Structures are given as C-alpha cells and as structure tokens.
Amino acid sequence: MKRIGCVLDAIATLFSRLGGVVIVLMMAHITADVVARAAFDSPLHGTLEITAVYYMVALVFLPLAHVTAGEGHIKVELFTQKLPQRPMLALETLVAIVGVVYVGAMAVGGIDEALYRTSIRDTLETAEGTLEVWPSRWIVPLGAGAMALWLIHDAATKGRSLFSNPDDAL
C-alpha cells in the first residue's frame, strides 16, 4: 500500500508542479499581451481564449490530486469534531468512497468528452481565426482521474485501519 501511495504522490506532485508552470506561462502570456497592446497597439491574438480554454482548466484540474493527498479540501467539522476516532475513521472512509464515485464519474465523463472532441478536432472561433482546443479537453480526465485514484487509495487505507482492530467498538 505504501508503494502505491508513493507512486500516487509522485503523480500528484508532478501534476501540481505542472500547474505551477502553467501559472508562470499564463502570467508571461498575459504580460506580453498587455505590453504588446500598450507599446505597439497590437495585442497578441487569442490570449483571452487560450487563458480560458487551456490555462484556467489546467490550474483547476491538475492540482486536484495534490490537494487531496494533503487533505487540503475544505472540511466543515461542526458536527464531527468531537467524534471518537473509529466513527470518524468510518465517516472519512465513507466520504472517500462517495468522492471516488463522484470524481470517478467526472473522469469517465471527461474521457468520453475528450475522445469525442479529439475525434472532431474541436476548435474555437476567434476574431483572428480558429484555435484548436481539443487537447485541453484531456486535462479534466487527467486531473479528476488522478484525484479519483488518490481517493481510492485513501478509502482503502482508512478502511484497512478501520477494520484492523475489530475488537474496538464503533
């Protein structure tokens, strides 16, 4: 189980670092567009579209597994903060399983959509022409799939801990 965790952590870290690279690229691209617009009265074509279709999608979906691995998602513990350890572990296992179903469905749906968009070579009309956007459709299933894998690992690890000492009462 530890090896799988290490592999998933490496994937999550890689995707998170790619997200960091995307932030830098987006900042450079937008800065170049502003400078070109102000200094030369000639903006870079497609900056808005590339930002919306590539950069922003990558910034949202690539780091999901890393956030999940670090338990960085928002938790509301108003009703659960005083639960004993085993019931809390049971609840966290259940939440991970529900997350797998939800995020797994998002990944599978994303794969279907990406396959379709790739088959038709999806493009976006811009003022200056067309922009191929089909490659960006693969970012959603990659990020959601990595998050789903991490949630499966989390559910298995917590489930194993939950049932490792059955003498304890829930």
C-alpha atoms as a PDB file:
ATOM      1  CA  MET A   1       0.000   0.000   0.000  1.00  0.00           C
ATOM      2  CA  LYS A   2       2.919   2.321   0.725  1.00  0.00           C
ATOM      3  CA  ARG A   3       4.380   1.865  -2.765  1.00  0.00           C
ATOM      4  CA  ILE A   4       1.066   2.741  -4.352  1.00  0.00           C
ATOM      5  CA  GLY A   5       0.881   5.809  -2.119  1.00  0.00           C
ATOM      6  CA  CYS A   6       4.380   6.854  -3.202  1.00  0.00           C
ATOM      7  CA  VAL A   7       3.520   6.459  -6.890  1.00  0.00           C
ATOM      8  CA  LEU A   8       0.254   8.394  -6.475  1.00  0.00           C
ATOM      9  CA  ASP A   9       2.076  11.076  -4.500  1.00  0.00           C
ATOM     10  CA  ALA A  10       4.650  11.404  -7.288  1.00  0.00           C
ATOM     11  CA  ILE A  11       1.864  11.774  -9.873  1.00  0.00           C
ATOM     12  CA  ALA A  12       0.069  14.322  -7.689  1.00  0.00           C
ATOM     13  CA  THR A  13       3.279  16.292  -7.187  1.00  0.00           C
ATOM     14  CA  LEU A  14       4.052  16.215 -10.920  1.00  0.00           C
ATOM     15  CA  PHE A  15       0.578  17.488 -11.809  1.00  0.00           C
ATOM     16  CA  SER A  16       0.802  20.184  -9.145  1.00  0.00           C
ATOM     17  CA  ARG A  17       4.167  21.336 -10.474  1.00  0.00           C
ATOM     18  CA  LEU A  18       2.749  21.392 -13.987  1.00  0.00           C
ATOM     19  CA  GLY A  19       0.028  23.638 -12.583  1.00  0.00           C
ATOM     20  CA  GLY A  20       2.770  25.921 -11.260  1.00  0.00           C
ATOM     21  CA  VAL A  21       4.400  26.037 -14.690  1.00  0.00           C
ATOM     22  CA  VAL A  22       1.018  26.881 -16.212  1.00  0.00           C
ATOM     23  CA  ILE A  23       0.645  29.825 -13.797  1.00  0.00           C
ATOM     24  CA  VAL A  24       4.015  31.204 -14.892  1.00  0.00           C
ATOM     25  CA  LEU A  25       3.182  30.698 -18.576  1.00  0.00           C
ATOM     26  CA  MET A  26      -0.185  32.396 -18.125  1.00  0.00           C
ATOM     27  CA  MET A  27       1.390  35.370 -16.359  1.00  0.00           C
ATOM     28  CA  ALA A  28       4.045  35.715 -19.061  1.00  0.00           C
ATOM     29  CA  HIS A  29       1.476  35.406 -21.836  1.00  0.00           C
ATOM     30  CA  ILE A  30      -0.881  37.985 -20.333  1.00  0.00           C
ATOM     31  CA  THR A  31       2.003  40.329 -19.524  1.00  0.00           C
ATOM     32  CA  ALA A  32       3.273  40.064 -23.109  1.00  0.00           C
ATOM     33  CA  ASP A  33      -0.249  40.777 -24.364  1.00  0.00           C
ATOM     34  CA  VAL A  34      -0.542  43.891 -22.172  1.00  0.00           C
ATOM     35  CA  VAL A  35       2.906  45.143 -23.211  1.00  0.00           C
ATOM     36  CA  ALA A  36       2.188  44.499 -26.904  1.00  0.00           C
ATOM     37  CA  ARG A  37      -1.158  46.248 -26.620  1.00  0.00           C
ATOM     38  CA  ALA A  38       0.232  49.280 -24.756  1.00  0.00           C
ATOM     39  CA  ALA A  39       3.571  49.693 -26.502  1.00  0.00           C
ATOM     40  CA  PHE A  40       2.772  48.621 -30.051  1.00  0.00           C
ATOM     41  CA  ASP A  41      -1.018  48.880 -30.200  1.00  0.00           C
ATOM     42  CA  SER A  42      -1.006  45.276 -31.371  1.00  0.00           C
ATOM     43  CA  PRO A  43      -2.319  42.735 -28.834  1.00  0.00           C
ATOM     44  CA  LEU A  44      -1.412  39.062 -29.023  1.00  0.00           C
ATOM     45  CA  HIS A  45      -4.172  37.211 -30.798  1.00  0.00           C
ATOM     46  CA  GLY A  46      -6.094  34.586 -28.818  1.00  0.00           C
ATOM     47  CA  THR A  47      -4.824  35.498 -25.362  1.00  0.00           C
ATOM     48  CA  LEU A  48      -8.299  35.515 -23.823  1.00  0.00           C
ATOM     49  CA  GLU A  49      -9.278  32.224 -25.458  1.00  0.00           C
ATOM     50  CA  ILE A  50      -6.031  30.452 -24.582  1.00  0.00           C
ATOM     51  CA  THR A  51      -6.339  31.653 -20.992  1.00  0.00           C
ATOM     52  CA  ALA A  52      -9.935  30.422 -20.691  1.00  0.00           C
ATOM     53  CA  VAL A  53      -9.542  27.108 -22.509  1.00  0.00           C
ATOM     54  CA  TYR A  54      -6.035  25.991 -21.549  1.00  0.00           C
ATOM     55  CA  TYR A  55      -4.552  27.868 -18.605  1.00  0.00           C
ATOM     56  CA  MET A  56      -7.600  28.080 -16.348  1.00  0.00           C
ATOM     57  CA  VAL A  57      -8.662  24.473 -16.914  1.00  0.00           C
ATOM     58  CA  ALA A  58      -5.138  23.277 -16.112  1.00  0.00           C
ATOM     59  CA  LEU A  59      -4.972  25.463 -12.994  1.00  0.00           C
ATOM     60  CA  VAL A  60      -8.203  23.987 -11.650  1.00  0.00           C
ATOM     61  CA  PHE A  61      -7.819  20.299 -12.520  1.00  0.00           C
ATOM     62  CA  LEU A  62      -4.103  19.461 -12.438  1.00  0.00           C
ATOM     63  CA  PRO A  63      -3.520  20.163  -8.711  1.00  0.00           C
ATOM     64  CA  LEU A  64      -6.647  18.275  -7.515  1.00  0.00           C
ATOM     65  CA  ALA A  65      -4.776  15.095  -6.585  1.00  0.00           C
ATOM     66  CA  HIS A  66      -2.109  17.055  -4.718  1.00  0.00           C
ATOM     67  CA  VAL A  67      -4.748  18.923  -2.720  1.00  0.00           C
ATOM     68  CA  THR A  68      -6.485  15.614  -1.972  1.00  0.00           C
ATOM     69  CA  ALA A  69      -3.227  13.962  -0.898  1.00  0.00           C
ATOM     70  CA  GLY A  70      -2.512  16.786   1.527  1.00  0.00           C
ATOM     71  CA  GLU A  71      -6.102  16.790   2.797  1.00  0.00           C
ATOM     72  CA  GLY A  72      -6.341  20.394   1.666  1.00  0.00           C
ATOM     73  CA  HIS A  73     -10.004  20.396   0.717  1.00  0.00           C
ATOM     74  CA  ILE A  74     -12.363  22.421   2.857  1.00  0.00           C
ATOM     75  CA  LYS A  75     -13.869  20.429   5.723  1.00  0.00           C
ATOM     76  CA  VAL A  76     -16.757  21.512   7.887  1.00  0.00           C
ATOM     77  CA  GLU A  77     -16.363  19.738  11.211  1.00  0.00           C
ATOM     78  CA  LEU A  78     -19.161  21.388  13.118  1.00  0.00           C
ATOM     79  CA  PHE A  79     -20.938  18.105  13.890  1.00  0.00           C
ATOM     80  CA  THR A  80     -17.995  15.708  13.700  1.00  0.00           C
ATOM     81  CA  GLN A  81     -15.179  17.401  15.612  1.00  0.00           C
ATOM     82  CA  LYS A  82     -15.927  15.549  18.861  1.00  0.00           C
ATOM     83  CA  LEU A  83     -16.470  12.111  17.335  1.00  0.00           C
ATOM     84  CA  PRO A  84     -14.290   9.298  18.675  1.00  0.00           C
ATOM     85  CA  GLN A  85     -11.515   8.039  16.421  1.00  0.00           C
ATOM     86  CA  ARG A  86     -13.205   4.945  14.939  1.00  0.00           C
ATOM     87  CA  PRO A  87     -16.519   6.591  13.990  1.00  0.00           C
ATOM     88  CA  MET A  88     -14.539   9.456  12.479  1.00  0.00           C
ATOM     89  CA  LEU A  89     -12.447   6.942  10.521  1.00  0.00           C
ATOM     90  CA  ALA A  90     -15.639   5.238   9.319  1.00  0.00           C
ATOM     91  CA  LEU A  91     -17.072   8.576   8.214  1.00  0.00           C
ATOM     92  CA  GLU A  92     -13.865   9.563   6.419  1.00  0.00           C
ATOM     93  CA  THR A  93     -13.837   6.175   4.640  1.00  0.00           C
ATOM     94  CA  LEU A  94     -17.428   6.673   3.526  1.00  0.00           C
ATOM     95  CA  VAL A  95     -16.674  10.217   2.325  1.00  0.00           C
ATOM     96  CA  ALA A  96     -13.686   8.920   0.333  1.00  0.00           C
ATOM     97  CA  ILE A  97     -15.891   6.260  -1.298  1.00  0.00           C
ATOM     98  CA  VAL A  98     -18.544   8.842  -2.209  1.00  0.00           C
ATOM     99  CA  GLY A  99     -15.751  11.046  -3.574  1.00  0.00           C
ATOM    100  CA  VAL A 100     -14.451   8.170  -5.706  1.00  0.00           C
ATOM    101  CA  VAL A 101     -17.904   7.692  -7.222  1.00  0.00           C
ATOM    102  CA  TYR A 102     -18.376  11.402  -7.924  1.00  0.00           C
ATOM    103  CA  VAL A 103     -14.871  12.222  -9.172  1.00  0.00           C
ATOM    104  CA  GLY A 104     -14.617   8.884 -10.998  1.00  0.00           C
ATOM    105  CA  ALA A 105     -17.813   9.728 -12.880  1.00  0.00           C
ATOM    106  CA  MET A 106     -16.299  13.110 -13.731  1.00  0.00           C
ATOM    107  CA  ALA A 107     -13.143  11.413 -15.031  1.00  0.00           C
ATOM    108  CA  VAL A 108     -15.081   8.868 -17.115  1.00  0.00           C
ATOM    109  CA  GLY A 109     -17.364  11.581 -18.494  1.00  0.00           C
ATOM    110  CA  GLY A 110     -14.291  13.678 -19.207  1.00  0.00           C
ATOM    111  CA  ILE A 111     -12.704  10.823 -21.131  1.00  0.00           C
ATOM    112  CA  ASP A 112     -15.853  10.381 -23.213  1.00  0.00           C
ATOM    113  CA  GLU A 113     -15.966  14.103 -23.936  1.00  0.00           C
ATOM    114  CA  ALA A 114     -12.233  14.266 -24.702  1.00  0.00           C
ATOM    115  CA  LEU A 115     -12.481  11.310 -27.099  1.00  0.00           C
ATOM    116  CA  TYR A 116     -15.388  12.946 -28.903  1.00  0.00           C
ATOM    117  CA  ARG A 117     -13.701  16.369 -29.050  1.00  0.00           C
ATOM    118  CA  THR A 118     -10.490  14.769 -30.279  1.00  0.00           C
ATOM    119  CA  SER A 119     -12.331  12.828 -32.990  1.00  0.00           C
ATOM    120  CA  ILE A 120     -13.893  16.002 -34.388  1.00  0.00           C
ATOM    121  CA  ARG A 121     -10.724  18.072 -33.840  1.00  0.00           C
ATOM    122  CA  ASP A 122     -12.653  20.624 -31.760  1.00  0.00           C
ATOM    123  CA  THR A 123     -11.835  24.257 -32.484  1.00  0.00           C
ATOM    124  CA  LEU A 124     -12.906  27.620 -31.144  1.00  0.00           C
ATOM    125  CA  GLU A 125     -13.696  30.587 -33.370  1.00  0.00           C
ATOM    126  CA  THR A 126     -11.697  33.693 -32.532  1.00  0.00           C
ATOM    127  CA  ALA A 127     -11.638  37.127 -34.105  1.00  0.00           C
ATOM    128  CA  GLU A 128      -8.452  36.193 -35.972  1.00  0.00           C
ATOM    129  CA  GLY A 129      -9.340  32.635 -36.994  1.00  0.00           C
ATOM    130  CA  THR A 130      -9.676  29.333 -35.182  1.00  0.00           C
ATOM    131  CA  LEU A 131      -7.917  27.863 -32.173  1.00  0.00           C
ATOM    132  CA  GLU A 132      -7.632  24.100 -31.710  1.00  0.00           C
ATOM    133  CA  VAL A 133      -8.985  23.326 -28.250  1.00  0.00           C
ATOM    134  CA  TRP A 134      -9.360  19.543 -28.336  1.00  0.00           C
ATOM    135  CA  PRO A 135      -6.061  18.943 -26.454  1.00  0.00           C
ATOM    136  CA  SER A 136      -7.353  20.930 -23.481  1.00  0.00           C
ATOM    137  CA  ARG A 137     -10.280  18.503 -23.117  1.00  0.00           C
ATOM    138  CA  TRP A 138      -7.848  15.875 -21.796  1.00  0.00           C
ATOM    139  CA  ILE A 139      -6.888  17.975 -18.775  1.00  0.00           C
ATOM    140  CA  VAL A 140     -10.186  17.297 -16.962  1.00  0.00           C
ATOM    141  CA  PRO A 141      -9.980  13.487 -17.057  1.00  0.00           C
ATOM    142  CA  LEU A 142      -6.285  13.578 -16.145  1.00  0.00           C
ATOM    143  CA  GLY A 143      -6.825  15.734 -13.078  1.00  0.00           C
ATOM    144  CA  ALA A 144     -10.072  14.071 -11.997  1.00  0.00           C
ATOM    145  CA  GLY A 145      -8.630  10.607 -12.651  1.00  0.00           C
ATOM    146  CA  ALA A 146      -5.572  11.315 -10.509  1.00  0.00           C
ATOM    147  CA  MET A 147      -7.830  12.616  -7.743  1.00  0.00           C
ATOM    148  CA  ALA A 148     -10.060   9.516  -8.001  1.00  0.00           C
ATOM    149  CA  LEU A 149      -7.017   7.242  -7.727  1.00  0.00           C
ATOM    150  CA  TRP A 150      -5.861   9.108  -4.646  1.00  0.00           C
ATOM    151  CA  LEU A 151      -9.352   8.828  -3.114  1.00  0.00           C
ATOM    152  CA  ILE A 152      -9.379   5.062  -3.804  1.00  0.00           C
ATOM    153  CA  HIS A 153      -6.046   4.798  -2.001  1.00  0.00           C
ATOM    154  CA  ASP A 154      -7.364   6.946   0.844  1.00  0.00           C
ATOM    155  CA  ALA A 155     -10.546   4.843   1.192  1.00  0.00           C
ATOM    156  CA  ALA A 156      -8.513   1.606   1.156  1.00  0.00           C
ATOM    157  CA  THR A 157      -6.016   2.895   3.716  1.00  0.00           C
ATOM    158  CA  LYS A 158      -8.675   4.241   6.065  1.00  0.00           C
ATOM    159  CA  GLY A 159     -10.860   1.173   5.555  1.00  0.00           C
ATOM    160  CA  ARG A 160      -7.953  -1.088   6.411  1.00  0.00           C
ATOM    161  CA  SER A 161      -7.274   0.943   9.560  1.00  0.00           C
ATOM    162  CA  LEU A 162     -10.948   0.805  10.454  1.00  0.00           C
ATOM    163  CA  PHE A 163     -11.098  -2.977  10.299  1.00  0.00           C
ATOM    164  CA  SER A 164      -7.563  -3.738  11.519  1.00  0.00           C
ATOM    165  CA  ASN A 165      -8.699  -3.954  15.154  1.00  0.00           C
ATOM    166  CA  PRO A 166     -12.288  -5.289  15.126  1.00  0.00           C
ATOM    167  CA  ASP A 167     -12.376  -5.657  18.933  1.00  0.00           C
ATOM    168  CA  ASP A 168     -12.763  -1.900  19.317  1.00  0.00           C
ATOM    169  CA  ALA A 169     -16.371  -0.761  19.282  1.00  0.00           C
ATOM    170  CA  LEU A 170     -17.519   1.710  16.698  1.00  0.00           C
END
